[in-house]
Structure formats: C-alpha cells, structure tokens
Amino acid sequence: MEVAGSRRKSFDQTEINWDKLDKSKFYVVGAGIFTGLTVALYPISVIKTRMQVATNTAAKDNAFSVVRGILRNDGVPGLYRGFGTVITGAIPARIIFLTALETTKVAAFKMVEPFKLSEPVQAAIANGVAGMLASLCSQSVFVPIDIVSQRLMVQGYSGHASYNGGLDVARKVLKSEGVRGLYRGFGLSVITYSPSSAVWWASYGSSQRFIWRLLDNGTEHGGPAPSQGKIVAVQAAGGIIAGATASCITTPLDTIKTRLQVMGHDKRPTARQVVKQLIAEDGWTGFYRGLGPRFVSMSAWGTSMILAYEYLKRLCAVNE
C-alpha cells in the first residue's frame, strides 16, 4: 500500500481536480477552445455521416471519394454543412457534460477507494462511471442538435431531402413528427454515446496510469515531478488509445442511430429494419460503414480535446 499511495501521489502531480478550478474562467475559455477544435475536426463528421447513410450505389465510395464529391458539388462550405447548428448547441451541451464529468469523477474515486483495487482499475471505473453519467446528462441537448445537423450534412446526397438551414429542418421535423421527431433515436443515442463515453474515459484514465507505471519516472522514490512535455505526451497517448478503443466498440450502434435520425417521416424505419437492410446490403461489415472516419474522428477529436482540456484546466487552476 505504501507503493500504491506513492504512485497516486505521483499521478496527482499531473491532475487538476474540480475543486482547484476557477469555474467562470473554465467555462468562458473552454467555450472558445472547444469551438476552435470543432471547426478543425467538423469535416470528418460530415464524411463519416455520409458514408453511414449511403444507398447501395454510393456505399461503395470510400472517404476520399466522398470528399471529392462534396468539394465538386459544394466546395469547401459543403464540408461544414450543419456547422452553425452544432456550434449553437455544442456550447451548452459541453458545459453540462464537463460539469457532470468532473463532479462525478471526484465522487466515483471516493466510492472505489475502499475496495483497494489497483490504480489503473480504480481510474477505469471512476472515469468510466463519470463519462457515462456525463453523457446521459448532456443527451437532452445533443440529440436534437444531432438530428438537425445530420440532416443538413446529408441533404441532397443519396436521395435525401434538401433544407434551407437548421431552422427549416427543425420546423419540418416538428410539423411532421412533433417534438418526438427531434428525439428520434434518443434511446440508441444513449445506448451509443453513454457506453462510448464510458469506454473512452475509462480507457483514458487507466491507460495514463498504466503508462506512468511503465515509465516509472522516479517520483515514488522522491524523484522530481515529470516535465510538462512528458505529461502532455502521456495524455496524448491516452487519448489515442481511448479513441481507438471506443470507435471499434461503438461504430455499429452509431451507424444504426445515424440512419434512424436522417430518414424522413414518410419512410421512417425501425431499428430492426435498419439492421436487416445493412445486413442485406453489405453483410455484417455494413455495421462498420464509416469506421475509418469515425476512428480518425474519435482519435483526433479525443486526443485534441483531451490535450486542450488538460491545458484548459492548467490555465484555470486556482493558485494556492
């Protein structure tokens, strides 16, 4: 227990908890940072979404073919269809997510400590529980934004309807399906994103501890604290591992959810019908349509997000 305690102390030198943050600064600066990341990585989401909803003929296109088609028909703006809607909803949703994540993580760590588990296992459980609950809290905002933005992403593609912006999508959905239309696929979103968030944060938390243990930077023997460069490298590695793990596990559910959300009311399928159609078209590999872009998206977004997030926490730490 002496060694475990010293390892926890070593890791605590790299982590800034919720009670050590300037909350006002955290929210304001965080909104700017995550908006910038969304601008940089949004096109990958457009490509992934189009690949997932493609019909038989278009389904043979790879990511590069989809990009060429978008640029040929719409230019660079085509890679940002639905972006305004996403940004409008992403800021409040992100605030809800991060607040729930940080507060739950602290409580979860206290709950698992009495079980005397290894540090990577404790981190996996605490971070996983926090990630899942944070996702559940933010889904009420995320799902309607998903519905609107995804319809804008695929409008005019593979037989999908065209719209005059996000408000037009919302108006038509409300007219044809009511409020329930904006929450189509809510159950699948919860089933997809909550486990995905749990897997991502559990993998990130445990992989960091595991990497630090492999590096054995000497702090448990009274050595110096790790350098800022080493901390960033370990956090980046954890983000890549987490993104790879989560994308491989959750892509099938994401494909089904996306198809449900972009279909018009007149041809609205059930989840079972979507599953049967995917199997009929491509076999079981159909569930992994868009895996490449989703893998890149989750790894790139996850790594960029976690580095920005950890930087944000250092920036907003209250000096003691």
C-alpha atoms as a PDB file:
ATOM      1  CA  MET A   1       0.000   0.000   0.000  1.00  0.00           C
ATOM      2  CA  GLU A   2       2.954   2.296   0.522  1.00  0.00           C
ATOM      3  CA  VAL A   3       3.911   1.983  -3.156  1.00  0.00           C
ATOM      4  CA  ALA A   4       0.328   2.399  -4.340  1.00  0.00           C
ATOM      5  CA  GLY A   5      -0.021   5.509  -2.233  1.00  0.00           C
ATOM      6  CA  SER A   6       3.169   6.998  -3.603  1.00  0.00           C
ATOM      7  CA  ARG A   7       2.082   6.229  -7.155  1.00  0.00           C
ATOM      8  CA  ARG A   8      -1.205   8.012  -6.535  1.00  0.00           C
ATOM      9  CA  LYS A   9       0.753  10.958  -5.159  1.00  0.00           C
ATOM     10  CA  SER A  10       2.926  10.856  -8.266  1.00  0.00           C
ATOM     11  CA  PHE A  11      -0.087  10.928 -10.547  1.00  0.00           C
ATOM     12  CA  ASP A  12      -1.758  13.660  -8.521  1.00  0.00           C
ATOM     13  CA  GLN A  13       1.094  15.930  -9.591  1.00  0.00           C
ATOM     14  CA  THR A  14      -0.265  15.733 -13.161  1.00  0.00           C
ATOM     15  CA  GLU A  15      -4.002  16.067 -12.419  1.00  0.00           C
ATOM     16  CA  ILE A  16      -6.072  19.121 -11.512  1.00  0.00           C
ATOM     17  CA  ASN A  17      -9.376  18.301  -9.837  1.00  0.00           C
ATOM     18  CA  TRP A  18     -12.668  20.213  -9.957  1.00  0.00           C
ATOM     19  CA  ASP A  19     -12.189  21.927  -6.589  1.00  0.00           C
ATOM     20  CA  LYS A  20      -8.952  23.537  -7.823  1.00  0.00           C
ATOM     21  CA  LEU A  21     -10.511  25.270 -10.864  1.00  0.00           C
ATOM     22  CA  ASP A  22     -11.692  28.835 -11.431  1.00  0.00           C
ATOM     23  CA  LYS A  23     -15.154  27.851 -12.734  1.00  0.00           C
ATOM     24  CA  SER A  24     -16.012  31.127 -14.519  1.00  0.00           C
ATOM     25  CA  LYS A  25     -12.719  31.188 -16.392  1.00  0.00           C
ATOM     26  CA  PHE A  26     -13.048  27.463 -17.102  1.00  0.00           C
ATOM     27  CA  TYR A  27     -16.399  27.890 -18.866  1.00  0.00           C
ATOM     28  CA  VAL A  28     -15.535  31.033 -20.848  1.00  0.00           C
ATOM     29  CA  VAL A  29     -12.093  29.954 -22.054  1.00  0.00           C
ATOM     30  CA  GLY A  30     -13.316  26.390 -22.572  1.00  0.00           C
ATOM     31  CA  ALA A  31     -16.102  27.554 -24.904  1.00  0.00           C
ATOM     32  CA  GLY A  32     -13.531  29.260 -27.126  1.00  0.00           C
ATOM     33  CA  ILE A  33     -11.111  26.339 -27.154  1.00  0.00           C
ATOM     34  CA  PHE A  34     -13.734  23.704 -27.974  1.00  0.00           C
ATOM     35  CA  THR A  35     -15.290  25.887 -30.667  1.00  0.00           C
ATOM     36  CA  GLY A  36     -11.891  26.037 -32.359  1.00  0.00           C
ATOM     37  CA  LEU A  37     -11.499  22.265 -32.159  1.00  0.00           C
ATOM     38  CA  THR A  38     -14.966  21.754 -33.626  1.00  0.00           C
ATOM     39  CA  VAL A  39     -14.075  23.987 -36.588  1.00  0.00           C
ATOM     40  CA  ALA A  40     -10.942  21.948 -37.265  1.00  0.00           C
ATOM     41  CA  LEU A  41     -12.498  18.483 -36.972  1.00  0.00           C
ATOM     42  CA  TYR A  42     -16.078  19.006 -38.166  1.00  0.00           C
ATOM     43  CA  PRO A  43     -15.482  17.890 -41.794  1.00  0.00           C
ATOM     44  CA  ILE A  44     -14.596  14.389 -40.559  1.00  0.00           C
ATOM     45  CA  SER A  45     -18.071  14.113 -39.006  1.00  0.00           C
ATOM     46  CA  VAL A  46     -19.687  15.130 -42.298  1.00  0.00           C
ATOM     47  CA  ILE A  47     -17.734  12.458 -44.201  1.00  0.00           C
ATOM     48  CA  LYS A  48     -18.495   9.774 -41.603  1.00  0.00           C
ATOM     49  CA  THR A  49     -22.215  10.601 -41.609  1.00  0.00           C
ATOM     50  CA  ARG A  50     -22.490  10.488 -45.405  1.00  0.00           C
ATOM     51  CA  MET A  51     -20.765   7.118 -45.550  1.00  0.00           C
ATOM     52  CA  GLN A  52     -23.137   5.690 -42.945  1.00  0.00           C
ATOM     53  CA  VAL A  53     -26.338   6.741 -44.733  1.00  0.00           C
ATOM     54  CA  ALA A  54     -25.255   5.978 -48.312  1.00  0.00           C
ATOM     55  CA  THR A  55     -27.510   3.823 -50.501  1.00  0.00           C
ATOM     56  CA  ASN A  56     -26.297   0.725 -52.339  1.00  0.00           C
ATOM     57  CA  THR A  57     -24.587   2.578 -55.189  1.00  0.00           C
ATOM     58  CA  ALA A  58     -22.970   5.290 -53.098  1.00  0.00           C
ATOM     59  CA  ALA A  59     -21.997   2.854 -50.332  1.00  0.00           C
ATOM     60  CA  LYS A  60     -19.040   1.680 -52.397  1.00  0.00           C
ATOM     61  CA  ASP A  61     -17.426   5.114 -52.105  1.00  0.00           C
ATOM     62  CA  ASN A  62     -14.507   5.439 -49.711  1.00  0.00           C
ATOM     63  CA  ALA A  63     -13.791   8.516 -47.634  1.00  0.00           C
ATOM     64  CA  PHE A  64     -11.698  10.140 -50.374  1.00  0.00           C
ATOM     65  CA  SER A  65     -14.492   9.685 -52.926  1.00  0.00           C
ATOM     66  CA  VAL A  66     -16.956  11.304 -50.526  1.00  0.00           C
ATOM     67  CA  VAL A  67     -14.612  14.280 -50.024  1.00  0.00           C
ATOM     68  CA  ARG A  68     -14.144  14.694 -53.776  1.00  0.00           C
ATOM     69  CA  GLY A  69     -17.898  14.588 -54.313  1.00  0.00           C
ATOM     70  CA  ILE A  70     -18.550  17.217 -51.641  1.00  0.00           C
ATOM     71  CA  LEU A  71     -15.850  19.557 -52.960  1.00  0.00           C
ATOM     72  CA  ARG A  72     -17.027  19.093 -56.549  1.00  0.00           C
ATOM     73  CA  ASN A  73     -20.673  19.856 -55.762  1.00  0.00           C
ATOM     74  CA  ASP A  74     -20.466  22.341 -52.885  1.00  0.00           C
ATOM     75  CA  GLY A  75     -16.850  23.388 -52.471  1.00  0.00           C
ATOM     76  CA  VAL A  76     -15.289  23.757 -49.024  1.00  0.00           C
ATOM     77  CA  PRO A  77     -18.585  25.020 -47.467  1.00  0.00           C
ATOM     78  CA  GLY A  78     -20.000  21.551 -48.152  1.00  0.00           C
ATOM     79  CA  LEU A  79     -17.652  20.153 -45.510  1.00  0.00           C
ATOM     80  CA  TYR A  80     -19.314  22.434 -42.942  1.00  0.00           C
ATOM     81  CA  ARG A  81     -22.985  21.719 -43.568  1.00  0.00           C
ATOM     82  CA  GLY A  82     -24.859  21.927 -40.280  1.00  0.00           C
ATOM     83  CA  PHE A  83     -21.924  23.564 -38.529  1.00  0.00           C
ATOM     84  CA  GLY A  84     -23.907  26.576 -37.270  1.00  0.00           C
ATOM     85  CA  THR A  85     -26.450  24.292 -35.627  1.00  0.00           C
ATOM     86  CA  VAL A  86     -23.746  22.199 -33.975  1.00  0.00           C
ATOM     87  CA  ILE A  87     -21.929  25.220 -32.546  1.00  0.00           C
ATOM     88  CA  THR A  88     -25.172  26.710 -31.214  1.00  0.00           C
ATOM     89  CA  GLY A  89     -25.989  23.575 -29.254  1.00  0.00           C
ATOM     90  CA  ALA A  90     -22.491  22.288 -28.532  1.00  0.00           C
ATOM     91  CA  ILE A  91     -21.512  25.009 -26.065  1.00  0.00           C
ATOM     92  CA  PRO A  92     -24.339  24.440 -23.528  1.00  0.00           C
ATOM     93  CA  ALA A  93     -24.097  20.671 -24.048  1.00  0.00           C
ATOM     94  CA  ARG A  94     -20.341  20.741 -23.447  1.00  0.00           C
ATOM     95  CA  ILE A  95     -20.792  22.800 -20.264  1.00  0.00           C
ATOM     96  CA  ILE A  96     -23.302  20.253 -18.950  1.00  0.00           C
ATOM     97  CA  PHE A  97     -21.004  17.371 -19.911  1.00  0.00           C
ATOM     98  CA  LEU A  98     -17.815  18.747 -18.360  1.00  0.00           C
ATOM     99  CA  THR A  99     -19.517  19.821 -15.140  1.00  0.00           C
ATOM    100  CA  ALA A 100     -21.114  16.399 -14.688  1.00  0.00           C
ATOM    101  CA  LEU A 101     -17.866  14.653 -15.655  1.00  0.00           C
ATOM    102  CA  GLU A 102     -15.632  16.430 -13.173  1.00  0.00           C
ATOM    103  CA  THR A 103     -18.025  16.384 -10.225  1.00  0.00           C
ATOM    104  CA  THR A 104     -18.961  12.722 -10.759  1.00  0.00           C
ATOM    105  CA  LYS A 105     -15.332  11.645 -11.218  1.00  0.00           C
ATOM    106  CA  VAL A 106     -14.339  13.001  -7.795  1.00  0.00           C
ATOM    107  CA  ALA A 107     -17.275  11.228  -6.137  1.00  0.00           C
ATOM    108  CA  ALA A 108     -16.609   7.971  -8.027  1.00  0.00           C
ATOM    109  CA  PHE A 109     -12.955   7.888  -6.949  1.00  0.00           C
ATOM    110  CA  LYS A 110     -14.032   8.203  -3.313  1.00  0.00           C
ATOM    111  CA  MET A 111     -16.514   5.346  -3.772  1.00  0.00           C
ATOM    112  CA  VAL A 112     -13.970   2.880  -5.235  1.00  0.00           C
ATOM    113  CA  GLU A 113     -11.077   3.681  -2.877  1.00  0.00           C
ATOM    114  CA  PRO A 114     -12.269   1.343  -0.067  1.00  0.00           C
ATOM    115  CA  PHE A 115     -12.088  -1.655  -2.434  1.00  0.00           C
ATOM    116  CA  LYS A 116      -8.264  -1.419  -2.527  1.00  0.00           C
ATOM    117  CA  LEU A 117      -8.106  -2.029  -6.301  1.00  0.00           C
ATOM    118  CA  SER A 118      -5.026  -1.267  -8.385  1.00  0.00           C
ATOM    119  CA  GLU A 119      -4.737   2.354  -9.508  1.00  0.00           C
ATOM    120  CA  PRO A 120      -5.425   1.680 -13.235  1.00  0.00           C
ATOM    121  CA  VAL A 121      -8.565  -0.289 -12.314  1.00  0.00           C
ATOM    122  CA  GLN A 122      -9.759   2.443  -9.936  1.00  0.00           C
ATOM    123  CA  ALA A 123      -9.180   5.042 -12.649  1.00  0.00           C
ATOM    124  CA  ALA A 124     -11.021   2.939 -15.236  1.00  0.00           C
ATOM    125  CA  ILE A 125     -14.074   2.520 -13.000  1.00  0.00           C
ATOM    126  CA  ALA A 126     -14.209   6.119 -11.744  1.00  0.00           C
ATOM    127  CA  ASN A 127     -13.586   7.697 -15.162  1.00  0.00           C
ATOM    128  CA  GLY A 128     -15.956   5.247 -16.866  1.00  0.00           C
ATOM    129  CA  VAL A 129     -18.810   5.977 -14.462  1.00  0.00           C
ATOM    130  CA  ALA A 130     -18.183   9.730 -14.776  1.00  0.00           C
ATOM    131  CA  GLY A 131     -18.069   9.562 -18.578  1.00  0.00           C
ATOM    132  CA  MET A 132     -21.308   7.593 -18.773  1.00  0.00           C
ATOM    133  CA  LEU A 133     -23.254   9.860 -16.393  1.00  0.00           C
ATOM    134  CA  ALA A 134     -21.920  12.995 -18.079  1.00  0.00           C
ATOM    135  CA  SER A 135     -23.095  11.690 -21.446  1.00  0.00           C
ATOM    136  CA  LEU A 136     -26.534  10.849 -20.045  1.00  0.00           C
ATOM    137  CA  CYS A 137     -26.882  14.387 -18.661  1.00  0.00           C
ATOM    138  CA  SER A 138     -25.959  16.048 -21.954  1.00  0.00           C
ATOM    139  CA  GLN A 139     -28.032  13.860 -24.339  1.00  0.00           C
ATOM    140  CA  SER A 140     -31.148  16.014 -23.949  1.00  0.00           C
ATOM    141  CA  VAL A 141     -29.260  18.801 -25.753  1.00  0.00           C
ATOM    142  CA  PHE A 142     -27.059  16.673 -28.018  1.00  0.00           C
ATOM    143  CA  VAL A 143     -29.798  14.566 -29.661  1.00  0.00           C
ATOM    144  CA  PRO A 144     -31.878  17.382 -31.232  1.00  0.00           C
ATOM    145  CA  ILE A 145     -28.645  19.013 -32.419  1.00  0.00           C
ATOM    146  CA  ASP A 146     -27.595  15.674 -33.910  1.00  0.00           C
ATOM    147  CA  ILE A 147     -30.930  15.291 -35.713  1.00  0.00           C
ATOM    148  CA  VAL A 148     -30.756  18.729 -37.316  1.00  0.00           C
ATOM    149  CA  SER A 149     -27.034  18.769 -38.141  1.00  0.00           C
ATOM    150  CA  GLN A 150     -27.012  15.260 -39.622  1.00  0.00           C
ATOM    151  CA  ARG A 151     -29.913  16.067 -41.941  1.00  0.00           C
ATOM    152  CA  LEU A 152     -28.023  19.125 -43.110  1.00  0.00           C
ATOM    153  CA  MET A 153     -24.859  17.043 -43.593  1.00  0.00           C
ATOM    154  CA  VAL A 154     -26.582  14.601 -45.973  1.00  0.00           C
ATOM    155  CA  GLN A 155     -29.098  16.883 -47.698  1.00  0.00           C
ATOM    156  CA  GLY A 156     -29.246  16.226 -51.437  1.00  0.00           C
ATOM    157  CA  TYR A 157     -26.945  13.203 -51.019  1.00  0.00           C
ATOM    158  CA  SER A 158     -28.057   9.672 -51.866  1.00  0.00           C
ATOM    159  CA  GLY A 159     -31.716  10.743 -52.223  1.00  0.00           C
ATOM    160  CA  HIS A 160     -32.039  12.762 -49.009  1.00  0.00           C
ATOM    161  CA  ALA A 161     -34.159  15.931 -48.850  1.00  0.00           C
ATOM    162  CA  SER A 162     -32.754  19.471 -49.035  1.00  0.00           C
ATOM    163  CA  TYR A 163     -33.341  22.222 -46.467  1.00  0.00           C
ATOM    164  CA  ASN A 164     -32.879  25.959 -46.012  1.00  0.00           C
ATOM    165  CA  GLY A 165     -30.793  25.807 -42.864  1.00  0.00           C
ATOM    166  CA  GLY A 166     -31.170  24.368 -39.389  1.00  0.00           C
ATOM    167  CA  LEU A 167     -34.394  26.210 -38.520  1.00  0.00           C
ATOM    168  CA  ASP A 168     -36.030  24.787 -41.639  1.00  0.00           C
ATOM    169  CA  VAL A 169     -35.054  21.273 -40.586  1.00  0.00           C
ATOM    170  CA  ALA A 170     -36.429  21.803 -37.065  1.00  0.00           C
ATOM    171  CA  ARG A 171     -39.671  23.329 -38.416  1.00  0.00           C
ATOM    172  CA  LYS A 172     -40.288  20.437 -40.832  1.00  0.00           C
ATOM    173  CA  VAL A 173     -39.484  17.794 -38.226  1.00  0.00           C
ATOM    174  CA  LEU A 174     -41.816  19.432 -35.689  1.00  0.00           C
ATOM    175  CA  LYS A 175     -44.573  19.761 -38.306  1.00  0.00           C
ATOM    176  CA  SER A 176     -44.418  16.129 -39.411  1.00  0.00           C
ATOM    177  CA  GLU A 177     -43.482  14.359 -36.179  1.00  0.00           C
ATOM    178  CA  GLY A 178     -43.857  16.793 -33.311  1.00  0.00           C
ATOM    179  CA  VAL A 179     -41.289  17.167 -30.525  1.00  0.00           C
ATOM    180  CA  ARG A 180     -40.713  13.420 -30.579  1.00  0.00           C
ATOM    181  CA  GLY A 181     -39.174  13.834 -34.031  1.00  0.00           C
ATOM    182  CA  LEU A 182     -36.316  15.841 -32.560  1.00  0.00           C
ATOM    183  CA  TYR A 183     -35.576  12.949 -30.213  1.00  0.00           C
ATOM    184  CA  ARG A 184     -35.733  10.161 -32.781  1.00  0.00           C
ATOM    185  CA  GLY A 185     -33.034   7.657 -31.927  1.00  0.00           C
ATOM    186  CA  PHE A 186     -32.731   9.064 -28.388  1.00  0.00           C
ATOM    187  CA  GLY A 187     -32.611   5.583 -26.899  1.00  0.00           C
ATOM    188  CA  LEU A 188     -29.948   4.490 -29.377  1.00  0.00           C
ATOM    189  CA  SER A 189     -28.035   7.716 -28.765  1.00  0.00           C
ATOM    190  CA  VAL A 190     -27.981   6.950 -25.054  1.00  0.00           C
ATOM    191  CA  ILE A 191     -27.003   3.345 -25.792  1.00  0.00           C
ATOM    192  CA  THR A 192     -24.294   4.541 -28.212  1.00  0.00           C
ATOM    193  CA  TYR A 193     -22.833   7.636 -26.606  1.00  0.00           C
ATOM    194  CA  SER A 194     -23.066   6.703 -22.944  1.00  0.00           C
ATOM    195  CA  PRO A 195     -21.103   3.435 -23.298  1.00  0.00           C
ATOM    196  CA  SER A 196     -18.813   5.172 -25.801  1.00  0.00           C
ATOM    197  CA  SER A 197     -18.156   7.954 -23.308  1.00  0.00           C
ATOM    198  CA  ALA A 198     -17.688   5.389 -20.532  1.00  0.00           C
ATOM    199  CA  VAL A 199     -15.236   3.351 -22.647  1.00  0.00           C
ATOM    200  CA  TRP A 200     -13.384   6.481 -23.778  1.00  0.00           C
ATOM    201  CA  TRP A 201     -12.893   7.962 -20.321  1.00  0.00           C
ATOM    202  CA  ALA A 202     -12.211   4.588 -18.696  1.00  0.00           C
ATOM    203  CA  SER A 203      -9.554   3.815 -21.335  1.00  0.00           C
ATOM    204  CA  TYR A 204      -8.064   7.284 -20.987  1.00  0.00           C
ATOM    205  CA  GLY A 205      -7.885   7.199 -17.199  1.00  0.00           C
ATOM    206  CA  SER A 206      -6.487   3.675 -16.903  1.00  0.00           C
ATOM    207  CA  SER A 207      -4.054   3.941 -19.849  1.00  0.00           C
ATOM    208  CA  GLN A 208      -2.493   7.061 -18.337  1.00  0.00           C
ATOM    209  CA  ARG A 209      -1.843   5.309 -15.050  1.00  0.00           C
ATOM    210  CA  PHE A 210      -0.510   2.258 -16.879  1.00  0.00           C
ATOM    211  CA  ILE A 211       1.850   4.389 -18.985  1.00  0.00           C
ATOM    212  CA  TRP A 212       3.120   6.259 -15.922  1.00  0.00           C
ATOM    213  CA  ARG A 213       3.743   2.923 -14.231  1.00  0.00           C
ATOM    214  CA  LEU A 214       5.740   1.717 -17.254  1.00  0.00           C
ATOM    215  CA  LEU A 215       7.734   4.958 -17.348  1.00  0.00           C
ATOM    216  CA  ASP A 216       8.366   4.801 -13.584  1.00  0.00           C
ATOM    217  CA  ASN A 217       9.546   8.405 -13.547  1.00  0.00           C
ATOM    218  CA  GLY A 218      11.012   8.033 -10.098  1.00  0.00           C
ATOM    219  CA  THR A 219       8.612  10.210  -8.146  1.00  0.00           C
ATOM    220  CA  GLU A 220       7.635   7.309  -5.925  1.00  0.00           C
ATOM    221  CA  HIS A 221      11.255   7.276  -4.732  1.00  0.00           C
ATOM    222  CA  GLY A 222      11.336  11.003  -4.076  1.00  0.00           C
ATOM    223  CA  GLY A 223      12.432  11.970  -7.590  1.00  0.00           C
ATOM    224  CA  PRO A 224      11.429  15.167  -9.414  1.00  0.00           C
ATOM    225  CA  ALA A 225       7.959  15.723 -10.819  1.00  0.00           C
ATOM    226  CA  PRO A 226       7.566  14.788 -14.518  1.00  0.00           C
ATOM    227  CA  SER A 227       8.257  17.532 -17.060  1.00  0.00           C
ATOM    228  CA  GLN A 228       5.385  19.299 -18.802  1.00  0.00           C
ATOM    229  CA  GLY A 229       6.422  17.701 -22.101  1.00  0.00           C
ATOM    230  CA  LYS A 230       6.253  14.205 -20.634  1.00  0.00           C
ATOM    231  CA  ILE A 231       2.829  14.910 -19.107  1.00  0.00           C
ATOM    232  CA  VAL A 232       1.465  16.102 -22.468  1.00  0.00           C
ATOM    233  CA  ALA A 233       2.946  13.071 -24.284  1.00  0.00           C
ATOM    234  CA  VAL A 234       1.329  10.642 -21.836  1.00  0.00           C
ATOM    235  CA  GLN A 235      -2.021  12.445 -22.089  1.00  0.00           C
ATOM    236  CA  ALA A 236      -1.856  12.348 -25.904  1.00  0.00           C
ATOM    237  CA  ALA A 237      -1.059   8.630 -25.876  1.00  0.00           C
ATOM    238  CA  GLY A 238      -4.000   8.053 -23.534  1.00  0.00           C
ATOM    239  CA  GLY A 239      -6.290   9.992 -25.897  1.00  0.00           C
ATOM    240  CA  ILE A 240      -5.237   7.902 -28.905  1.00  0.00           C
ATOM    241  CA  ILE A 241      -5.753   4.616 -27.034  1.00  0.00           C
ATOM    242  CA  ALA A 242      -9.147   5.784 -25.770  1.00  0.00           C
ATOM    243  CA  GLY A 243     -10.302   6.907 -29.232  1.00  0.00           C
ATOM    244  CA  ALA A 244      -9.229   3.654 -30.881  1.00  0.00           C
ATOM    245  CA  THR A 245     -10.955   1.541 -28.234  1.00  0.00           C
ATOM    246  CA  ALA A 246     -14.229   3.480 -28.228  1.00  0.00           C
ATOM    247  CA  SER A 247     -14.545   3.729 -32.028  1.00  0.00           C
ATOM    248  CA  CYS A 248     -14.081  -0.004 -32.581  1.00  0.00           C
ATOM    249  CA  ILE A 249     -16.648  -0.920 -29.924  1.00  0.00           C
ATOM    250  CA  THR A 250     -19.419   1.587 -30.710  1.00  0.00           C
ATOM    251  CA  THR A 251     -19.395   2.102 -34.511  1.00  0.00           C
ATOM    252  CA  PRO A 252     -22.206  -0.444 -35.236  1.00  0.00           C
ATOM    253  CA  LEU A 253     -24.634   1.316 -32.892  1.00  0.00           C
ATOM    254  CA  ASP A 254     -23.603   4.715 -34.261  1.00  0.00           C
ATOM    255  CA  THR A 255     -24.346   3.562 -37.816  1.00  0.00           C
ATOM    256  CA  ILE A 256     -27.845   2.362 -36.868  1.00  0.00           C
ATOM    257  CA  LYS A 257     -28.552   5.555 -34.891  1.00  0.00           C
ATOM    258  CA  THR A 258     -27.423   7.828 -37.714  1.00  0.00           C
ATOM    259  CA  ARG A 259     -29.615   6.062 -40.269  1.00  0.00           C
ATOM    260  CA  LEU A 260     -32.646   6.326 -37.991  1.00  0.00           C
ATOM    261  CA  GLN A 261     -32.097  10.032 -37.423  1.00  0.00           C
ATOM    262  CA  VAL A 262     -31.710  11.147 -41.048  1.00  0.00           C
ATOM    263  CA  MET A 263     -34.653   9.249 -42.579  1.00  0.00           C
ATOM    264  CA  GLY A 264     -37.731  11.285 -43.462  1.00  0.00           C
ATOM    265  CA  HIS A 265     -41.044  10.685 -41.692  1.00  0.00           C
ATOM    266  CA  ASP A 266     -42.634   9.092 -44.767  1.00  0.00           C
ATOM    267  CA  LYS A 267     -40.070   6.283 -44.888  1.00  0.00           C
ATOM    268  CA  ARG A 268     -39.277   6.035 -41.200  1.00  0.00           C
ATOM    269  CA  PRO A 269     -37.752   2.614 -40.434  1.00  0.00           C
ATOM    270  CA  THR A 270     -37.456   0.794 -37.137  1.00  0.00           C
ATOM    271  CA  ALA A 271     -34.084  -0.144 -35.666  1.00  0.00           C
ATOM    272  CA  ARG A 272     -34.755  -3.768 -36.658  1.00  0.00           C
ATOM    273  CA  GLN A 273     -35.431  -2.758 -40.277  1.00  0.00           C
ATOM    274  CA  VAL A 274     -32.204  -0.735 -40.369  1.00  0.00           C
ATOM    275  CA  VAL A 275     -30.277  -3.759 -39.097  1.00  0.00           C
ATOM    276  CA  LYS A 276     -31.857  -6.036 -41.730  1.00  0.00           C
ATOM    277  CA  GLN A 277     -31.122  -3.528 -44.504  1.00  0.00           C
ATOM    278  CA  LEU A 278     -27.469  -3.161 -43.504  1.00  0.00           C
ATOM    279  CA  ILE A 279     -27.014  -6.941 -43.423  1.00  0.00           C
ATOM    280  CA  ALA A 280     -28.773  -7.326 -46.798  1.00  0.00           C
ATOM    281  CA  GLU A 281     -26.620  -4.655 -48.425  1.00  0.00           C
ATOM    282  CA  ASP A 282     -23.165  -5.420 -47.036  1.00  0.00           C
ATOM    283  CA  GLY A 283     -23.424  -8.267 -44.563  1.00  0.00           C
ATOM    284  CA  TRP A 284     -22.100  -7.695 -41.059  1.00  0.00           C
ATOM    285  CA  THR A 285     -19.443  -5.330 -42.423  1.00  0.00           C
ATOM    286  CA  GLY A 286     -22.258  -2.862 -43.120  1.00  0.00           C
ATOM    287  CA  PHE A 287     -22.358  -2.035 -39.414  1.00  0.00           C
ATOM    288  CA  TYR A 288     -18.831  -0.687 -39.729  1.00  0.00           C
ATOM    289  CA  ARG A 289     -19.524   1.788 -42.515  1.00  0.00           C
ATOM    290  CA  GLY A 290     -17.581   4.937 -41.792  1.00  0.00           C
ATOM    291  CA  LEU A 291     -15.312   3.140 -39.312  1.00  0.00           C
ATOM    292  CA  GLY A 292     -12.220   4.785 -40.827  1.00  0.00           C
ATOM    293  CA  PRO A 293     -13.512   8.362 -40.496  1.00  0.00           C
ATOM    294  CA  ARG A 294     -15.063   7.542 -37.106  1.00  0.00           C
ATOM    295  CA  PHE A 295     -11.768   6.070 -35.901  1.00  0.00           C
ATOM    296  CA  VAL A 296      -9.891   9.156 -37.148  1.00  0.00           C
ATOM    297  CA  SER A 297     -12.578  11.440 -35.741  1.00  0.00           C
ATOM    298  CA  MET A 298     -12.626   9.868 -32.277  1.00  0.00           C
ATOM    299  CA  SER A 299      -8.846   9.558 -32.098  1.00  0.00           C
ATOM    300  CA  ALA A 300      -8.162  13.040 -33.480  1.00  0.00           C
ATOM    301  CA  TRP A 301     -11.006  14.682 -31.593  1.00  0.00           C
ATOM    302  CA  GLY A 302     -10.273  12.723 -28.429  1.00  0.00           C
ATOM    303  CA  THR A 303      -6.558  13.470 -28.446  1.00  0.00           C
ATOM    304  CA  SER A 304      -7.034  17.129 -29.396  1.00  0.00           C
ATOM    305  CA  MET A 305      -9.879  17.509 -26.925  1.00  0.00           C
ATOM    306  CA  ILE A 306      -8.042  15.943 -24.022  1.00  0.00           C
ATOM    307  CA  LEU A 307      -4.874  17.976 -24.628  1.00  0.00           C
ATOM    308  CA  ALA A 308      -6.949  21.150 -24.895  1.00  0.00           C
ATOM    309  CA  TYR A 309      -8.961  20.109 -21.854  1.00  0.00           C
ATOM    310  CA  GLU A 310      -5.916  19.399 -19.714  1.00  0.00           C
ATOM    311  CA  TYR A 311      -4.359  22.675 -20.901  1.00  0.00           C
ATOM    312  CA  LEU A 312      -7.602  24.456 -20.031  1.00  0.00           C
ATOM    313  CA  LYS A 313      -7.530  23.010 -16.501  1.00  0.00           C
ATOM    314  CA  ARG A 314      -3.909  24.111 -16.022  1.00  0.00           C
ATOM    315  CA  LEU A 315      -4.845  27.557 -17.320  1.00  0.00           C
ATOM    316  CA  CYS A 316      -7.822  27.822 -14.963  1.00  0.00           C
ATOM    317  CA  ALA A 317      -6.193  26.296 -11.877  1.00  0.00           C
ATOM    318  CA  VAL A 318      -6.552  28.402  -8.755  1.00  0.00           C
ATOM    319  CA  ASN A 319      -3.204  29.324  -7.253  1.00  0.00           C
ATOM    320  CA  GLU A 320      -2.918  28.087  -3.697  1.00  0.00           C
END
